[in-house]
């Protein structure tokens, strides 16, 4: 990638490189579903030795001035102004994956990635990008790279891809968050039994937990309570009578 949108598109700009365009390694695209799985690449090189999406915009049409659609593959220009503009557009579009350097402390990263992306995959090692003729560059990019997923579907792709790296979820479904924050059934039952400090009738436990949010979401909460009691660590002292272990 060159230093400006109008100097070149389609790849990253290495700090020590002088070539105009650096193209996405094909194995990265293949690991994310292949070029056919992306509807649009708004930063495609003019000379494209291999596909990156089903449709592409080059610098001749300026992808920032065109409508974006579907699942987007974004390998943006790396000059500060162009990178920020394309990443803002990607965050607003909200569907697709971007490949950028892992400069996690920058304002652009905070505003368009940390606060807007759904998940990240910090790639292990440094990528060797490809030249405009399709050949793999001998030198690596000179900096670590990260894949930024926008939308739950692309986050799921990053979570299971075979690319080597560390996956970091940023936005989880509400159901997952609730499940992580709420106490388990065992914790709920154990807390109430310990407060009673003695044997408790099962019917009394049912009545108390009927108003609990977990019971409201589970019409079979009574069966769940019995299952938890039987699994322990609780003590059955008599028929229908239980106490904390």
Protein backbone atom coordinates (compact mmCIF):
# COMPACT_ATOMS: atom_id res chain seq x y z
CA UNK A 1 0.00 0.00 0.00
CA UNK A 2 1.26 3.42 -0.82
CA UNK A 3 1.10 6.39 1.48
CA UNK A 4 -2.02 7.84 -0.16
CA UNK A 5 -5.28 6.51 -1.51
CA UNK A 6 -4.57 8.01 -4.89
CA UNK A 7 -1.05 6.60 -5.07
CA UNK A 8 -2.09 2.96 -4.78
CA UNK A 9 -4.49 0.53 -3.16
CA UNK A 10 -4.83 -3.11 -2.28
CA UNK A 11 -2.26 -3.77 0.42
CA UNK A 12 -0.27 -2.58 3.39
CA UNK A 13 2.58 -0.15 3.45
CA UNK A 14 5.68 -1.50 5.17
CA UNK A 15 7.76 0.97 7.13
CA UNK A 16 10.82 -0.11 5.20
CA UNK A 17 9.20 -0.78 1.83
CA UNK A 18 9.36 1.31 -1.32
CA UNK A 19 7.02 -0.66 -3.57
CA UNK A 20 3.61 0.88 -4.24
CA UNK A 21 1.24 -1.96 -3.40
CA UNK A 22 1.29 -4.80 -0.91
CA UNK A 23 -1.40 -7.40 -1.50
CA UNK A 24 -3.21 -9.62 0.99
CA UNK A 25 -1.65 -13.10 1.19
CA UNK A 26 -4.11 -15.51 -0.46
CA UNK A 27 -3.98 -17.95 2.47
CA UNK A 28 -5.51 -15.28 4.72
CA UNK A 29 -8.53 -14.89 2.44
CA UNK A 30 -8.83 -18.66 2.04
CA UNK A 31 -8.91 -19.11 5.83
CA UNK A 32 -11.78 -16.63 6.10
CA UNK A 33 -13.96 -18.37 3.53
CA UNK A 34 -12.25 -17.44 0.29
CA UNK A 35 -12.66 -14.50 -2.04
CA UNK A 36 -16.11 -15.69 -3.12
CA UNK A 37 -17.36 -15.33 0.45
CA UNK A 38 -16.76 -11.56 0.32
CA UNK A 39 -19.15 -9.41 -1.68
CA UNK A 40 -16.91 -6.35 -1.99
CA UNK A 41 -13.31 -5.22 -1.76
CA UNK A 42 -13.37 -1.40 -1.82
CA UNK A 43 -9.53 -1.17 -1.85
CA UNK A 44 -8.60 -3.57 -4.62
CA UNK A 45 -5.36 -3.11 -6.62
CA UNK A 46 -5.65 -2.07 -10.25
CA UNK A 47 -3.56 -5.07 -11.27
CA UNK A 48 -5.14 -7.96 -9.42
CA UNK A 49 -3.22 -11.25 -9.74
CA UNK A 50 -5.86 -13.13 -7.72
CA UNK A 51 -9.40 -12.27 -6.55
CA UNK A 52 -10.17 -10.79 -3.13
CA UNK A 53 -13.97 -10.46 -3.46
CA UNK A 54 -16.74 -10.94 -5.98
CA UNK A 55 -16.79 -7.22 -6.76
CA UNK A 56 -14.04 -4.65 -6.34
CA UNK A 57 -13.37 -0.91 -6.34
CA UNK A 58 -9.94 0.37 -7.34
CA UNK A 59 -8.43 3.83 -6.93
CA UNK A 60 -9.89 4.70 -10.33
CA UNK A 61 -13.37 4.90 -8.78
CA UNK A 62 -12.37 5.70 -5.15
CA UNK A 63 -14.08 3.20 -2.85
CA UNK A 64 -14.92 5.89 -0.32
CA UNK A 65 -17.26 7.53 -2.83
CA UNK A 66 -19.10 4.33 -3.71
CA UNK A 67 -21.89 2.48 -1.88
CA UNK A 68 -20.69 -0.49 0.13
CA UNK A 69 -22.72 -3.68 0.24
CA UNK A 70 -22.68 -7.18 1.67
CA UNK A 71 -19.71 -8.74 3.39
CA UNK A 72 -16.68 -6.51 2.86
CA UNK A 73 -13.01 -7.43 2.73
CA UNK A 74 -10.92 -4.38 3.64
CA UNK A 75 -7.15 -4.11 3.31
CA UNK A 76 -6.96 -0.31 3.49
CA UNK A 77 -4.34 2.28 2.51
CA UNK A 78 -1.99 2.94 5.38
CA UNK A 79 -1.48 6.66 5.29
CA UNK A 80 -3.04 8.06 8.47
CA UNK A 81 -5.85 10.02 6.79
CA UNK A 82 -6.83 7.25 4.36
CA UNK A 83 -6.64 4.52 6.97
CA UNK A 84 -8.90 6.46 9.30
CA UNK A 85 -11.41 7.23 6.53
CA UNK A 86 -11.68 3.62 5.37
CA UNK A 87 -11.84 2.21 8.89
CA UNK A 88 -14.60 4.63 9.84
CA UNK A 89 -16.51 3.58 6.75
CA UNK A 90 -15.97 -0.08 7.66
CA UNK A 91 -17.19 0.47 11.22
CA UNK A 92 -20.29 2.24 9.91
CA UNK A 93 -20.94 -0.52 7.38
CA UNK A 94 -20.68 -3.09 10.16
CA UNK A 95 -20.29 -6.25 8.10
CA UNK A 96 -16.98 -7.76 7.06
CA UNK A 97 -13.35 -8.09 8.05
CA UNK A 98 -10.43 -5.67 7.88
CA UNK A 99 -6.70 -6.40 7.94
CA UNK A 100 -4.54 -3.70 9.48
CA UNK A 101 -1.40 -3.30 11.57
CA UNK A 102 -1.95 -3.94 15.28
CA UNK A 103 -1.28 -0.38 16.39
CA UNK A 104 -3.64 -0.76 19.29
CA UNK A 105 -2.79 2.52 21.03
CA UNK A 106 -3.70 4.89 18.20
CA UNK A 107 -6.80 7.06 18.17
CA UNK A 108 -8.01 5.43 14.95
CA UNK A 109 -7.74 1.97 16.52
CA UNK A 110 -9.63 3.06 19.62
CA UNK A 111 -12.42 4.76 17.68
CA UNK A 112 -12.93 2.29 14.82
CA UNK A 113 -11.76 -1.02 16.28
CA UNK A 114 -11.87 -1.22 20.08
CA UNK A 115 -15.21 0.63 20.21
CA UNK A 116 -16.80 -0.67 17.00
CA UNK A 117 -15.51 -4.11 16.02
CA UNK A 118 -17.06 -7.36 17.24
CA UNK A 119 -13.90 -9.44 17.48
CA UNK A 120 -10.17 -9.45 16.72
CA UNK A 121 -7.60 -12.02 15.69
CA UNK A 122 -4.05 -10.92 16.47
CA UNK A 123 -1.98 -12.90 13.99
CA UNK A 124 1.06 -14.76 15.24
CA UNK A 125 4.28 -13.50 13.68
CA UNK A 126 4.46 -11.01 10.81
CA UNK A 127 2.86 -11.46 7.44
CA UNK A 128 4.70 -11.56 4.15
CA UNK A 129 2.47 -9.62 1.78
CA UNK A 130 2.45 -10.15 -1.97
CA UNK A 131 3.71 -7.98 -4.81
CA UNK A 132 1.50 -6.69 -7.65
CA UNK A 133 2.65 -9.61 -9.80
CA UNK A 134 1.31 -12.03 -7.20
CA UNK A 135 4.66 -13.15 -5.86
CA UNK A 136 5.24 -13.38 -2.13
CA UNK A 137 7.48 -10.60 -0.80
CA UNK A 138 10.74 -11.87 0.64
CA UNK A 139 10.65 -9.50 3.63
CA UNK A 140 7.83 -9.47 6.15
CA UNK A 141 5.62 -6.47 6.78
CA UNK A 142 7.78 -5.09 9.57
CA UNK A 143 4.91 -4.95 12.08
CA UNK A 144 2.28 -7.32 13.56
CA UNK A 145 -1.13 -7.52 11.92
CA UNK A 146 -4.65 -7.97 13.23
CA UNK A 147 -7.91 -9.05 11.60
CA UNK A 148 -10.89 -6.96 12.74
CA UNK A 149 -14.35 -8.49 12.42
CA UNK A 150 -17.46 -6.33 12.10
CA UNK A 151 -20.72 -8.15 12.71
CA UNK A 152 -21.43 -11.34 14.66
CA UNK A 153 -21.01 -13.58 11.60
CA UNK A 154 -17.49 -12.39 10.86
CA UNK A 155 -16.63 -12.60 14.54
CA UNK A 156 -17.65 -16.26 14.46
CA UNK A 157 -15.40 -16.83 11.44
CA UNK A 158 -12.39 -15.38 13.29
CA UNK A 159 -13.17 -17.45 16.37
CA UNK A 160 -12.82 -20.76 14.50
CA UNK A 161 -10.34 -19.96 11.72
CA UNK A 162 -7.17 -22.04 11.51
CA UNK A 163 -4.99 -18.95 11.18
CA UNK A 164 -2.45 -18.90 13.98
CA UNK A 165 -3.01 -16.14 16.49
CA UNK A 166 -5.03 -14.97 19.48
CA UNK A 167 -8.77 -14.37 19.14
CA UNK A 168 -10.27 -11.61 21.29
CA UNK A 169 -14.09 -11.17 21.35
CA UNK A 170 -15.22 -7.59 21.83
CA UNK A 171 -19.01 -7.83 21.57
CA UNK A 172 -20.89 -10.87 22.78
CA UNK A 173 -24.57 -11.75 22.32
CA UNK A 174 -26.70 -10.53 25.22
CA UNK A 175 -27.58 -14.11 26.15
CA UNK A 176 -23.89 -14.97 26.57
CA UNK A 177 -23.25 -11.90 28.69
CA UNK A 178 -26.21 -12.67 30.94
CA UNK A 179 -25.10 -16.26 31.36
CA UNK A 180 -21.59 -15.15 32.30
CA UNK A 181 -22.73 -12.57 34.84
CA UNK A 182 -25.54 -14.47 36.54
CA UNK A 183 -24.88 -17.01 39.31
CA UNK A 184 -25.36 -20.65 38.41
CA UNK A 185 -28.33 -22.67 39.63
CA UNK A 186 -26.04 -24.42 42.10
CA UNK A 187 -24.88 -21.07 43.51
CA UNK A 188 -28.46 -19.80 43.82
CA UNK A 189 -29.66 -22.91 45.66
CA UNK A 190 -26.56 -23.09 47.88
CA UNK A 191 -26.85 -19.45 48.94
CA UNK A 192 -30.48 -19.79 49.97
CA UNK A 193 -29.99 -23.06 51.86
CA UNK A 194 -27.01 -21.66 53.78
CA UNK A 195 -29.09 -18.65 54.85
CA UNK A 196 -31.72 -20.99 56.28
CA UNK A 197 -29.18 -22.77 58.50
CA UNK A 198 -31.11 -26.01 58.66
CA UNK A 199 -33.29 -28.44 56.70
CA UNK A 200 -35.71 -26.85 54.24
CA UNK A 201 -38.77 -28.33 52.58
CA UNK A 202 -38.53 -28.64 48.82
CA UNK A 203 -41.87 -26.84 48.38
CA UNK A 204 -40.49 -23.87 50.30
CA UNK A 205 -37.47 -23.78 47.98
CA UNK A 206 -39.77 -23.85 44.95
CA UNK A 207 -41.82 -20.91 46.28
CA UNK A 208 -38.74 -18.84 47.03
CA UNK A 209 -37.07 -19.38 43.66
CA UNK A 210 -40.25 -19.00 41.60
CA UNK A 211 -39.60 -15.24 41.40
CA UNK A 212 -35.92 -15.60 40.49
CA UNK A 213 -34.95 -14.39 36.96
CA UNK A 214 -33.52 -17.81 36.15
CA UNK A 215 -36.88 -19.42 36.93
CA UNK A 216 -38.69 -16.86 34.78
CA UNK A 217 -36.66 -18.04 31.77
CA UNK A 218 -37.04 -21.73 32.58
CA UNK A 219 -40.58 -23.14 32.78
CA UNK A 220 -39.09 -26.40 34.10
CA UNK A 221 -37.25 -24.70 36.95
CA UNK A 222 -38.59 -27.13 39.55
CA UNK A 223 -37.00 -30.07 37.74
CA UNK A 224 -33.78 -28.06 37.48
CA UNK A 225 -33.77 -27.41 41.24
CA UNK A 226 -34.24 -31.13 41.95
CA UNK A 227 -31.40 -31.96 39.57
CA UNK A 228 -29.08 -29.50 41.29
CA UNK A 229 -29.95 -30.84 44.73
CA UNK A 230 -29.25 -34.41 43.64
CA UNK A 231 -25.91 -33.48 42.07
CA UNK A 232 -24.77 -31.82 45.30
CA UNK A 233 -23.09 -30.68 47.35
CA UNK A 234 -26.36 -30.85 49.33
CA UNK A 235 -27.74 -33.30 51.89
CA UNK A 236 -31.16 -34.98 51.80
CA UNK A 237 -32.19 -35.31 55.42
CA UNK A 238 -35.70 -36.68 54.84
CA UNK A 239 -38.29 -37.06 52.11
CA UNK A 240 -38.62 -33.62 50.51
CA UNK A 241 -36.18 -32.09 53.01
CA UNK A 242 -32.75 -30.70 52.05
CA UNK A 243 -29.98 -28.71 53.66
CA UNK A 244 -26.62 -27.24 52.71
CA UNK A 245 -23.70 -29.64 52.92
